[in-house]
Amino acid sequence: MSRVFARSASPHQPPHGRALGFGASTPPAAPSPPGPDDRQTEDSAQQQARNQAEPRSSRLMRLRLDHPRFGLIDANIRNVSTHGMGGITDAKLSAGDTVQLCLHDRASVSAEVRWTRQERNRTAFGLRSEEPLDPASFAAKNDSATNARNWDDTVLKPLDEHHVYTRFRPVIAAKRPGFRRV
C-alpha cells in the first residue's frame, strides 16, 4: 500500500492546496491573544524570579530581635543579603511573625519571618526585611574583606631584603638540662 501525496481536486483537500497525509504539515496557526492562563504563567514566572535566593554574605554575629510576644530576643545571624537574613534563636518563632531588627548603626528595621525550622531545641529562621540592608555594614571593623588590610601586607612586610623577624631567628642561648653553672 503506497500513499500518494499529489494534488487532488477532492472535497477533502485543505484550503491551502496540499493534501493531508503521512508527513504532511498543517498550516501554521495564527498566534492567539494572551488568555488568563498565559497571564498566570507570567505572574508565576515573575514570582519565581522574586523568590529565588539572592547572593548572601556569610556572617556570624549576635543581633537582637524585638518580637511582639517574646520581647527582646538574642539571635545568632549566619548570613545577610540585601533583603533579609538567616539565623538561629532559642525563641519559638513562627512564619508570618513581624519582628524589629535592632541594628547598631541605625534605627530598627521591620522584618517578616518567612520560614522556620527546628534544630536541636532551637529555631532556625529566615527574615525578609522591608528596607534593603547593606551586607558590608555587618562586617567586622578589622575585616580584611572590607577595608583591604591584609596581615601579610601590613604586619609581615620585611624591612629590607635580608631582614629576619625575631621569632624566626635561631635561638642563641638555650637552657640545657643537666648542665649546671657554678
C-alpha atoms as a PDB file:
ATOM      1  CA  MET A   1       0.000   0.000   0.000  1.00  0.00           C
ATOM      2  CA  SER A   2       1.555   3.226  -1.034  1.00  0.00           C
ATOM      3  CA  ARG A   3       0.378   6.695  -0.347  1.00  0.00           C
ATOM      4  CA  VAL A   4       0.425   9.295  -2.992  1.00  0.00           C
ATOM      5  CA  PHE A   5       0.766  12.901  -1.981  1.00  0.00           C
ATOM      6  CA  ALA A   6      -0.384  14.541  -5.122  1.00  0.00           C
ATOM      7  CA  ARG A   7      -2.679  17.442  -5.572  1.00  0.00           C
ATOM      8  CA  SER A   8      -6.178  16.272  -5.935  1.00  0.00           C
ATOM      9  CA  ALA A   9      -9.356  18.091  -6.541  1.00  0.00           C
ATOM     10  CA  SER A  10     -11.238  16.167  -3.907  1.00  0.00           C
ATOM     11  CA  PRO A  11     -13.569  17.824  -1.455  1.00  0.00           C
ATOM     12  CA  HIS A  12     -11.266  16.638   1.361  1.00  0.00           C
ATOM     13  CA  GLN A  13      -8.404  18.818   0.195  1.00  0.00           C
ATOM     14  CA  PRO A  14      -7.476  21.513   2.695  1.00  0.00           C
ATOM     15  CA  PRO A  15      -7.808  25.147   1.624  1.00  0.00           C
ATOM     16  CA  HIS A  16      -4.032  25.736   1.443  1.00  0.00           C
ATOM     17  CA  GLY A  17      -3.684  23.396  -1.530  1.00  0.00           C
ATOM     18  CA  ARG A  18      -1.791  20.426  -0.020  1.00  0.00           C
ATOM     19  CA  ALA A  19      -3.287  17.055   0.691  1.00  0.00           C
ATOM     20  CA  LEU A  20      -3.005  15.888   4.258  1.00  0.00           C
ATOM     21  CA  GLY A  21      -1.420  12.534   4.859  1.00  0.00           C
ATOM     22  CA  PHE A  22       1.641  10.936   6.399  1.00  0.00           C
ATOM     23  CA  GLY A  23       4.426  13.510   6.612  1.00  0.00           C
ATOM     24  CA  ALA A  24       2.258  16.421   5.515  1.00  0.00           C
ATOM     25  CA  SER A  25       2.306  19.509   7.616  1.00  0.00           C
ATOM     26  CA  THR A  26      -0.567  21.627   8.761  1.00  0.00           C
ATOM     27  CA  PRO A  27      -0.627  25.334   8.115  1.00  0.00           C
ATOM     28  CA  PRO A  28       0.934  27.465  10.839  1.00  0.00           C
ATOM     29  CA  ALA A  29      -1.571  28.560  13.409  1.00  0.00           C
ATOM     30  CA  ALA A  30      -2.162  32.240  13.968  1.00  0.00           C
ATOM     31  CA  PRO A  31      -0.920  33.442  17.347  1.00  0.00           C
ATOM     32  CA  SER A  32      -3.758  33.579  19.793  1.00  0.00           C
ATOM     33  CA  PRO A  33      -4.283  36.569  22.058  1.00  0.00           C
ATOM     34  CA  PRO A  34      -2.977  36.073  25.595  1.00  0.00           C
ATOM     35  CA  GLY A  35      -5.594  34.449  27.738  1.00  0.00           C
ATOM     36  CA  PRO A  36      -5.940  34.211  31.505  1.00  0.00           C
ATOM     37  CA  ASP A  37      -3.765  31.067  31.584  1.00  0.00           C
ATOM     38  CA  ASP A  38      -0.890  32.933  29.915  1.00  0.00           C
ATOM     39  CA  ARG A  39      -1.134  35.767  32.448  1.00  0.00           C
ATOM     40  CA  GLN A  40      -0.978  33.256  35.294  1.00  0.00           C
ATOM     41  CA  THR A  41       2.151  31.751  33.739  1.00  0.00           C
ATOM     42  CA  GLU A  42       3.783  35.194  33.509  1.00  0.00           C
ATOM     43  CA  ASP A  43       2.797  36.014  37.096  1.00  0.00           C
ATOM     44  CA  SER A  44       4.196  32.725  38.370  1.00  0.00           C
ATOM     45  CA  ALA A  45       7.446  33.300  36.429  1.00  0.00           C
ATOM     46  CA  GLN A  46       7.809  36.761  37.961  1.00  0.00           C
ATOM     47  CA  GLN A  47       7.014  35.383  41.404  1.00  0.00           C
ATOM     48  CA  GLN A  48       9.563  32.595  40.970  1.00  0.00           C
ATOM     49  CA  ALA A  49      12.205  35.157  39.965  1.00  0.00           C
ATOM     50  CA  ARG A  50      11.418  37.173  43.106  1.00  0.00           C
ATOM     51  CA  ASN A  51      11.597  34.110  45.357  1.00  0.00           C
ATOM     52  CA  GLN A  52      14.975  32.967  44.038  1.00  0.00           C
ATOM     53  CA  ALA A  53      17.741  33.226  46.581  1.00  0.00           C
ATOM     54  CA  GLU A  54      19.950  36.243  46.148  1.00  0.00           C
ATOM     55  CA  PRO A  55      23.656  36.272  46.949  1.00  0.00           C
ATOM     56  CA  ARG A  56      24.326  36.037  50.663  1.00  0.00           C
ATOM     57  CA  SER A  57      27.240  37.230  52.693  1.00  0.00           C
ATOM     58  CA  SER A  58      28.240  34.735  55.381  1.00  0.00           C
ATOM     59  CA  ARG A  59      28.477  36.370  58.782  1.00  0.00           C
ATOM     60  CA  LEU A  60      28.412  35.012  62.279  1.00  0.00           C
ATOM     61  CA  MET A  61      27.207  37.635  64.726  1.00  0.00           C
ATOM     62  CA  ARG A  62      24.745  38.306  67.510  1.00  0.00           C
ATOM     63  CA  LEU A  63      21.746  40.518  66.957  1.00  0.00           C
ATOM     64  CA  ARG A  64      18.670  41.421  68.984  1.00  0.00           C
ATOM     65  CA  LEU A  65      15.180  40.999  67.596  1.00  0.00           C
ATOM     66  CA  ASP A  66      12.189  42.784  69.123  1.00  0.00           C
ATOM     67  CA  HIS A  67       9.238  40.371  68.939  1.00  0.00           C
ATOM     68  CA  PRO A  68       5.677  41.397  69.947  1.00  0.00           C
ATOM     69  CA  ARG A  69       5.106  38.235  72.046  1.00  0.00           C
ATOM     70  CA  PHE A  70       8.594  37.419  73.355  1.00  0.00           C
ATOM     71  CA  GLY A  71      10.109  40.896  73.730  1.00  0.00           C
ATOM     72  CA  LEU A  72      13.841  41.214  73.047  1.00  0.00           C
ATOM     73  CA  ILE A  73      15.340  38.007  71.633  1.00  0.00           C
ATOM     74  CA  ASP A  74      19.033  37.228  71.174  1.00  0.00           C
ATOM     75  CA  ALA A  75      19.744  35.622  67.809  1.00  0.00           C
ATOM     76  CA  ASN A  76      22.836  34.302  66.047  1.00  0.00           C
ATOM     77  CA  ILE A  77      22.879  35.570  62.465  1.00  0.00           C
ATOM     78  CA  ARG A  78      24.525  33.249  59.931  1.00  0.00           C
ATOM     79  CA  ASN A  79      24.126  35.122  56.643  1.00  0.00           C
ATOM     80  CA  VAL A  80      22.966  38.508  55.389  1.00  0.00           C
ATOM     81  CA  SER A  81      21.624  39.559  51.997  1.00  0.00           C
ATOM     82  CA  THR A  82      20.227  42.848  50.732  1.00  0.00           C
ATOM     83  CA  HIS A  83      16.634  41.910  51.582  1.00  0.00           C
ATOM     84  CA  GLY A  84      16.979  39.702  54.630  1.00  0.00           C
ATOM     85  CA  MET A  85      18.999  37.420  56.835  1.00  0.00           C
ATOM     86  CA  GLY A  86      19.049  33.930  58.262  1.00  0.00           C
ATOM     87  CA  GLY A  87      19.889  32.817  61.753  1.00  0.00           C
ATOM     88  CA  ILE A  88      19.020  30.757  64.800  1.00  0.00           C
ATOM     89  CA  THR A  89      17.456  31.596  68.163  1.00  0.00           C
ATOM     90  CA  ASP A  90      16.057  29.985  71.321  1.00  0.00           C
ATOM     91  CA  ALA A  91      12.608  31.580  70.899  1.00  0.00           C
ATOM     92  CA  LYS A  92       9.813  29.676  69.152  1.00  0.00           C
ATOM     93  CA  LEU A  93       9.311  31.929  66.138  1.00  0.00           C
ATOM     94  CA  SER A  94       6.678  31.087  63.555  1.00  0.00           C
ATOM     95  CA  ALA A  95       6.358  32.038  59.892  1.00  0.00           C
ATOM     96  CA  GLY A  96       4.454  35.275  59.370  1.00  0.00           C
ATOM     97  CA  ASP A  97       5.607  36.950  62.602  1.00  0.00           C
ATOM     98  CA  THR A  98       6.807  40.539  62.328  1.00  0.00           C
ATOM     99  CA  VAL A  99       9.954  41.482  64.242  1.00  0.00           C
ATOM    100  CA  GLN A 100      12.099  44.594  64.563  1.00  0.00           C
ATOM    101  CA  LEU A 101      15.833  44.212  63.874  1.00  0.00           C
ATOM    102  CA  CYS A 102      17.790  46.200  66.459  1.00  0.00           C
ATOM    103  CA  LEU A 103      20.746  47.325  64.343  1.00  0.00           C
ATOM    104  CA  HIS A 104      23.767  49.009  65.900  1.00  0.00           C
ATOM    105  CA  ASP A 105      24.401  51.648  63.240  1.00  0.00           C
ATOM    106  CA  ARG A 106      20.835  52.858  62.623  1.00  0.00           C
ATOM    107  CA  ALA A 107      17.255  52.694  63.813  1.00  0.00           C
ATOM    108  CA  SER A 108      15.444  49.379  63.920  1.00  0.00           C
ATOM    109  CA  VAL A 109      14.192  47.803  60.695  1.00  0.00           C
ATOM    110  CA  SER A 110      10.949  45.866  60.402  1.00  0.00           C
ATOM    111  CA  ALA A 111      11.181  42.319  59.024  1.00  0.00           C
ATOM    112  CA  GLU A 112       8.883  39.351  58.474  1.00  0.00           C
ATOM    113  CA  VAL A 113       9.728  35.769  59.449  1.00  0.00           C
ATOM    114  CA  ARG A 114       9.452  33.871  56.153  1.00  0.00           C
ATOM    115  CA  TRP A 115      10.341  30.344  57.297  1.00  0.00           C
ATOM    116  CA  THR A 116      11.308  28.446  60.448  1.00  0.00           C
ATOM    117  CA  ARG A 117      12.833  25.049  61.170  1.00  0.00           C
ATOM    118  CA  GLN A 118      13.584  23.283  64.450  1.00  0.00           C
ATOM    119  CA  GLU A 119      17.256  22.431  65.053  1.00  0.00           C
ATOM    120  CA  ARG A 120      18.188  20.812  68.387  1.00  0.00           C
ATOM    121  CA  ASN A 121      15.716  22.719  70.600  1.00  0.00           C
ATOM    122  CA  ARG A 122      16.439  25.952  68.736  1.00  0.00           C
ATOM    123  CA  THR A 123      14.616  27.628  65.876  1.00  0.00           C
ATOM    124  CA  ALA A 124      16.385  28.399  62.616  1.00  0.00           C
ATOM    125  CA  PHE A 125      14.678  31.214  60.734  1.00  0.00           C
ATOM    126  CA  GLY A 126      14.750  33.366  57.629  1.00  0.00           C
ATOM    127  CA  LEU A 127      13.793  37.036  57.710  1.00  0.00           C
ATOM    128  CA  ARG A 128      12.782  39.340  54.862  1.00  0.00           C
ATOM    129  CA  SER A 129      13.312  42.996  55.701  1.00  0.00           C
ATOM    130  CA  GLU A 130      11.087  45.779  54.444  1.00  0.00           C
ATOM    131  CA  GLU A 131      14.079  48.048  53.786  1.00  0.00           C
ATOM    132  CA  PRO A 132      17.199  46.993  51.868  1.00  0.00           C
ATOM    133  CA  LEU A 133      20.179  46.063  54.035  1.00  0.00           C
ATOM    134  CA  ASP A 134      23.848  46.584  53.245  1.00  0.00           C
ATOM    135  CA  PRO A 135      25.708  43.306  53.937  1.00  0.00           C
ATOM    136  CA  ALA A 136      29.022  45.200  54.072  1.00  0.00           C
ATOM    137  CA  SER A 137      27.772  47.211  57.065  1.00  0.00           C
ATOM    138  CA  PHE A 138      27.544  43.977  59.062  1.00  0.00           C
ATOM    139  CA  ALA A 139      31.251  43.200  58.557  1.00  0.00           C
ATOM    140  CA  ALA A 140      33.717  43.445  61.422  1.00  0.00           C
ATOM    141  CA  LYS A 141      35.734  46.660  61.645  1.00  0.00           C
ATOM    142  CA  ASN A 142      39.069  44.880  61.028  1.00  0.00           C
ATOM    143  CA  ASP A 143      37.737  42.501  58.404  1.00  0.00           C
ATOM    144  CA  SER A 144      40.233  42.270  55.550  1.00  0.00           C
ATOM    145  CA  ALA A 145      37.412  41.969  53.023  1.00  0.00           C
ATOM    146  CA  THR A 146      36.003  45.389  53.890  1.00  0.00           C
ATOM    147  CA  ASN A 147      38.985  47.651  54.423  1.00  0.00           C
ATOM    148  CA  ALA A 148      41.557  45.806  52.255  1.00  0.00           C
ATOM    149  CA  ARG A 149      44.024  45.306  55.086  1.00  0.00           C
ATOM    150  CA  ASN A 150      45.868  42.069  54.806  1.00  0.00           C
ATOM    151  CA  TRP A 151      48.017  40.544  57.545  1.00  0.00           C
ATOM    152  CA  ASP A 152      50.850  39.685  55.164  1.00  0.00           C
ATOM    153  CA  ASP A 153      50.929  43.152  53.601  1.00  0.00           C
ATOM    154  CA  THR A 154      50.964  45.167  56.822  1.00  0.00           C
ATOM    155  CA  VAL A 155      52.427  43.105  59.662  1.00  0.00           C
ATOM    156  CA  LEU A 156      54.833  40.765  57.891  1.00  0.00           C
ATOM    157  CA  LYS A 157      56.223  43.327  55.488  1.00  0.00           C
ATOM    158  CA  PRO A 158      60.029  42.928  55.551  1.00  0.00           C
ATOM    159  CA  LEU A 159      62.121  45.993  56.381  1.00  0.00           C
ATOM    160  CA  ASP A 160      64.792  45.145  53.839  1.00  0.00           C
ATOM    161  CA  GLU A 161      65.812  42.217  51.666  1.00  0.00           C
ATOM    162  CA  HIS A 162      67.790  40.346  54.368  1.00  0.00           C
ATOM    163  CA  HIS A 163      65.589  41.140  57.362  1.00  0.00           C
ATOM    164  CA  VAL A 164      64.528  38.213  59.573  1.00  0.00           C
ATOM    165  CA  TYR A 165      61.886  38.668  62.265  1.00  0.00           C
ATOM    166  CA  THR A 166      62.939  37.830  65.819  1.00  0.00           C
ATOM    167  CA  ARG A 167      60.518  34.962  66.154  1.00  0.00           C
ATOM    168  CA  PHE A 168      62.133  33.282  63.127  1.00  0.00           C
ATOM    169  CA  ARG A 169      65.757  33.794  64.234  1.00  0.00           C
ATOM    170  CA  PRO A 170      67.643  30.817  65.681  1.00  0.00           C
ATOM    171  CA  VAL A 171      67.939  30.662  69.447  1.00  0.00           C
ATOM    172  CA  ILE A 172      71.353  31.829  70.620  1.00  0.00           C
ATOM    173  CA  ALA A 173      71.201  30.853  74.283  1.00  0.00           C
ATOM    174  CA  ALA A 174      69.305  27.843  75.467  1.00  0.00           C
ATOM    175  CA  LYS A 175      68.954  26.249  78.854  1.00  0.00           C
ATOM    176  CA  ARG A 176      70.342  22.752  78.748  1.00  0.00           C
ATOM    177  CA  PRO A 177      69.019  20.231  81.258  1.00  0.00           C
ATOM    178  CA  GLY A 178      71.573  18.539  83.466  1.00  0.00           C
ATOM    179  CA  PHE A 179      74.166  21.199  82.908  1.00  0.00           C
ATOM    180  CA  ARG A 180      74.878  23.488  85.851  1.00  0.00           C
ATOM    181  CA  ARG A 181      76.758  26.638  86.086  1.00  0.00           C
ATOM    182  CA  VAL A 182      78.743  27.025  89.222  1.00  0.00           C
END
